Amino acid sequence: MQKIAPFLWFDDQAEEAMNFYTSIFKNSRIKDIRRSGGGGPWPKGTVMSGTFELDGQEFMALNGGPQFTFSPAVSFFVNCETQQEIDELWEKLSEGGEKQRCGWLKDKFGLSWQIVPAVLGELLQDEDAEKSARVMNAMLQMDKLDIDVLRQAYEGARS
């Protein structure tokens, strides 16, 4: 087990969430699911918790009840190499959830994700402040981020 792993508190959808996330990301798997033996707050046989990996990153999931919910104050940042990867992740993760501005979305469990092209940091940090400003302006107009439109803004092309 890695030293630090995100721990996700679900009401009662931990198993559904693990299956959902591992179906979306490559190189992903459910490592284990712990079911109740009947003691404590969980009925016998129900999922208490589990561990899963998304592209090598380990996560833990708990069915903890409705006391806590997710907030956009914590999100998962997904660095994407291609527009195809952005498009796929955007559609799959937002299904049943909510598409938001600037590459953010909320999935059907209420967890926030940022689906971002890897090139964005480079475009925003250019020494030419005008280029960076154009990219930022273009990004602020988008929901799902579009690499071509961001590059056009960087180059000063009018769309």
Protein backbone atom coordinates (compact mmCIF):
# COMPACT_ATOMS: atom_id res chain seq x y z
CA MET A 1 0.00 0.00 0.00
CA GLN A 2 1.32 3.46 -0.84
CA LYS A 3 2.05 5.74 2.11
CA ILE A 4 -0.62 8.33 1.29
CA ALA A 5 -3.87 7.48 -0.52
CA PRO A 6 -7.13 9.39 -1.01
CA PHE A 7 -9.90 8.03 1.23
CA LEU A 8 -13.39 8.49 -0.23
CA TRP A 9 -16.45 8.45 2.03
CA PHE A 10 -19.63 7.31 0.29
CA ASP A 11 -23.10 6.95 1.74
CA ASP A 12 -23.63 3.37 0.50
CA GLN A 13 -22.24 3.39 -3.08
CA ALA A 14 -18.56 2.45 -2.51
CA GLU A 15 -18.73 -0.73 -4.58
CA GLU A 16 -20.67 0.98 -7.39
CA ALA A 17 -18.15 3.85 -7.39
CA MET A 18 -15.14 1.52 -7.49
CA ASN A 19 -16.67 -0.34 -10.45
CA PHE A 20 -17.51 2.95 -12.19
CA TYR A 21 -14.05 4.50 -11.80
CA THR A 22 -12.12 1.34 -12.70
CA SER A 23 -14.23 0.97 -15.87
CA ILE A 24 -13.17 4.46 -17.01
CA PHE A 25 -9.43 4.64 -16.36
CA LYS A 26 -6.86 2.40 -18.03
CA ASN A 27 -4.56 0.30 -15.86
CA SER A 28 -7.13 0.22 -13.08
CA ARG A 29 -8.46 -2.48 -10.80
CA ILE A 30 -10.32 -3.20 -7.61
CA LYS A 31 -7.76 -4.59 -5.18
CA ASP A 32 -10.10 -5.74 -2.43
CA ILE A 33 -13.58 -5.37 -1.02
CA ARG A 34 -14.28 -5.90 2.67
CA ARG A 35 -17.77 -7.11 3.53
CA SER A 36 -19.41 -7.03 6.93
CA GLY A 37 -19.60 -10.18 9.00
CA GLY A 38 -22.72 -8.76 10.63
CA GLY A 39 -21.16 -6.81 13.47
CA GLY A 40 -21.29 -3.05 13.69
CA PRO A 41 -23.47 -0.72 11.63
CA TRP A 42 -23.36 -2.77 8.39
CA PRO A 43 -25.74 -5.67 7.73
CA LYS A 44 -24.00 -9.00 7.11
CA GLY A 45 -22.54 -9.27 3.60
CA THR A 46 -22.75 -5.57 2.74
CA VAL A 47 -19.67 -3.70 1.56
CA MET A 48 -17.91 -1.80 4.34
CA SER A 49 -14.87 -0.62 2.40
CA GLY A 50 -12.52 -1.39 -0.44
CA THR A 51 -9.27 -0.48 -2.11
CA PHE A 52 -8.86 0.25 -5.81
CA GLU A 53 -6.29 1.66 -8.24
CA LEU A 54 -6.79 4.18 -11.03
CA ASP A 55 -3.81 4.18 -13.39
CA GLY A 56 -1.56 3.10 -10.52
CA GLN A 57 -2.91 5.60 -7.94
CA GLU A 58 -4.39 3.82 -4.96
CA PHE A 59 -7.69 4.92 -3.41
CA MET A 60 -9.72 3.71 -0.48
CA ALA A 61 -13.53 3.76 -0.36
CA LEU A 62 -15.85 3.51 2.62
CA ASN A 63 -19.60 3.15 2.96
CA GLY A 64 -19.87 5.50 5.93
CA GLY A 65 -23.41 6.78 5.68
CA PRO A 66 -24.82 10.21 4.85
CA GLN A 67 -22.93 12.24 7.49
CA PHE A 68 -20.35 13.59 5.03
CA THR A 69 -20.47 14.56 1.36
CA PHE A 70 -17.90 15.58 -1.21
CA SER A 71 -17.03 19.22 -1.84
CA PRO A 72 -15.29 20.91 -4.81
CA ALA A 73 -12.69 22.07 -2.26
CA VAL A 74 -11.03 18.71 -2.99
CA SER A 75 -10.93 17.46 -6.57
CA PHE A 76 -8.96 15.02 -8.67
CA PHE A 77 -6.78 16.62 -11.35
CA VAL A 78 -6.42 14.42 -14.45
CA ASN A 79 -3.54 15.40 -16.74
CA CYS A 80 -4.55 14.46 -20.32
CA GLU A 81 -2.17 14.16 -23.27
CA THR A 82 -4.73 14.28 -26.10
CA GLN A 83 -8.11 15.81 -26.92
CA GLN A 84 -9.47 12.29 -27.37
CA GLU A 85 -8.53 11.47 -23.77
CA ILE A 86 -10.17 14.71 -22.57
CA ASP A 87 -13.33 13.98 -24.57
CA GLU A 88 -13.62 10.39 -23.30
CA LEU A 89 -13.00 11.17 -19.64
CA TRP A 90 -15.25 14.24 -19.77
CA GLU A 91 -18.21 12.26 -21.14
CA LYS A 92 -17.76 9.17 -18.99
CA LEU A 93 -17.09 10.91 -15.67
CA SER A 94 -19.85 13.50 -16.11
CA GLU A 95 -22.52 10.91 -16.99
CA GLY A 96 -25.21 11.32 -14.35
CA GLY A 97 -23.26 14.21 -12.84
CA GLU A 98 -22.72 17.84 -13.74
CA LYS A 99 -20.45 19.47 -16.33
CA GLN A 100 -18.91 22.68 -15.05
CA ARG A 101 -16.60 25.48 -16.21
CA CYS A 102 -12.87 25.40 -16.98
CA GLY A 103 -12.52 21.62 -17.23
CA TRP A 104 -14.25 20.85 -13.94
CA LEU A 105 -17.05 18.34 -13.53
CA LYS A 106 -18.88 16.62 -10.75
CA ASP A 107 -19.52 12.90 -11.18
CA LYS A 108 -22.71 11.07 -10.23
CA PHE A 109 -21.37 10.50 -6.71
CA GLY A 110 -20.67 14.21 -6.20
CA LEU A 111 -16.88 13.90 -6.51
CA SER A 112 -15.18 16.78 -8.38
CA TRP A 113 -12.69 16.19 -11.20
CA GLN A 114 -10.54 18.51 -13.31
CA ILE A 115 -9.98 17.15 -16.83
CA VAL A 116 -7.05 19.19 -18.10
CA PRO A 117 -4.71 19.04 -21.10
CA ALA A 118 -1.08 18.58 -20.08
CA VAL A 119 -0.10 21.48 -22.37
CA LEU A 120 -2.23 23.99 -20.41
CA GLY A 121 0.42 24.76 -17.80
CA GLU A 122 2.97 25.50 -20.50
CA LEU A 123 0.57 27.81 -22.34
CA LEU A 124 -0.41 29.67 -19.17
CA GLN A 125 3.18 30.14 -18.02
CA ASP A 126 4.61 31.61 -21.20
CA GLU A 127 6.98 34.56 -20.69
CA ASP A 128 4.74 36.55 -23.04
CA ALA A 129 2.01 37.78 -20.68
CA GLU A 130 -0.34 38.56 -23.60
CA LYS A 131 -0.22 34.96 -24.84
CA SER A 132 -0.88 33.64 -21.33
CA ALA A 133 -3.74 36.09 -20.85
CA ARG A 134 -5.36 35.02 -24.13
CA VAL A 135 -5.16 31.37 -23.09
CA MET A 136 -6.65 32.14 -19.66
CA ASN A 137 -9.44 34.16 -21.28
CA ALA A 138 -10.22 31.30 -23.70
CA MET A 139 -10.21 28.75 -20.88
CA LEU A 140 -12.61 30.82 -18.79
CA GLN A 141 -15.15 30.64 -21.64
CA MET A 142 -15.07 26.82 -21.82
CA ASP A 143 -16.69 23.97 -19.99
CA LYS A 144 -14.77 21.02 -21.47
CA LEU A 145 -11.29 22.23 -22.39
CA ASP A 146 -10.35 22.18 -26.07
CA ILE A 147 -6.63 21.95 -26.86
CA ASP A 148 -6.97 23.42 -30.38
CA VAL A 149 -8.90 26.46 -29.15
CA LEU A 150 -6.37 27.02 -26.36
CA ARG A 151 -3.49 26.82 -28.86
CA GLN A 152 -5.29 29.21 -31.22
CA ALA A 153 -5.70 31.68 -28.36
CA TYR A 154 -2.01 31.28 -27.55
CA GLU A 155 -1.07 32.04 -31.16
CA GLY A 156 -3.45 35.00 -31.28
CA ALA A 157 -5.78 33.44 -33.85
CA ARG A 158 -9.36 34.68 -33.87
CA SER A 159 -12.04 32.01 -33.68
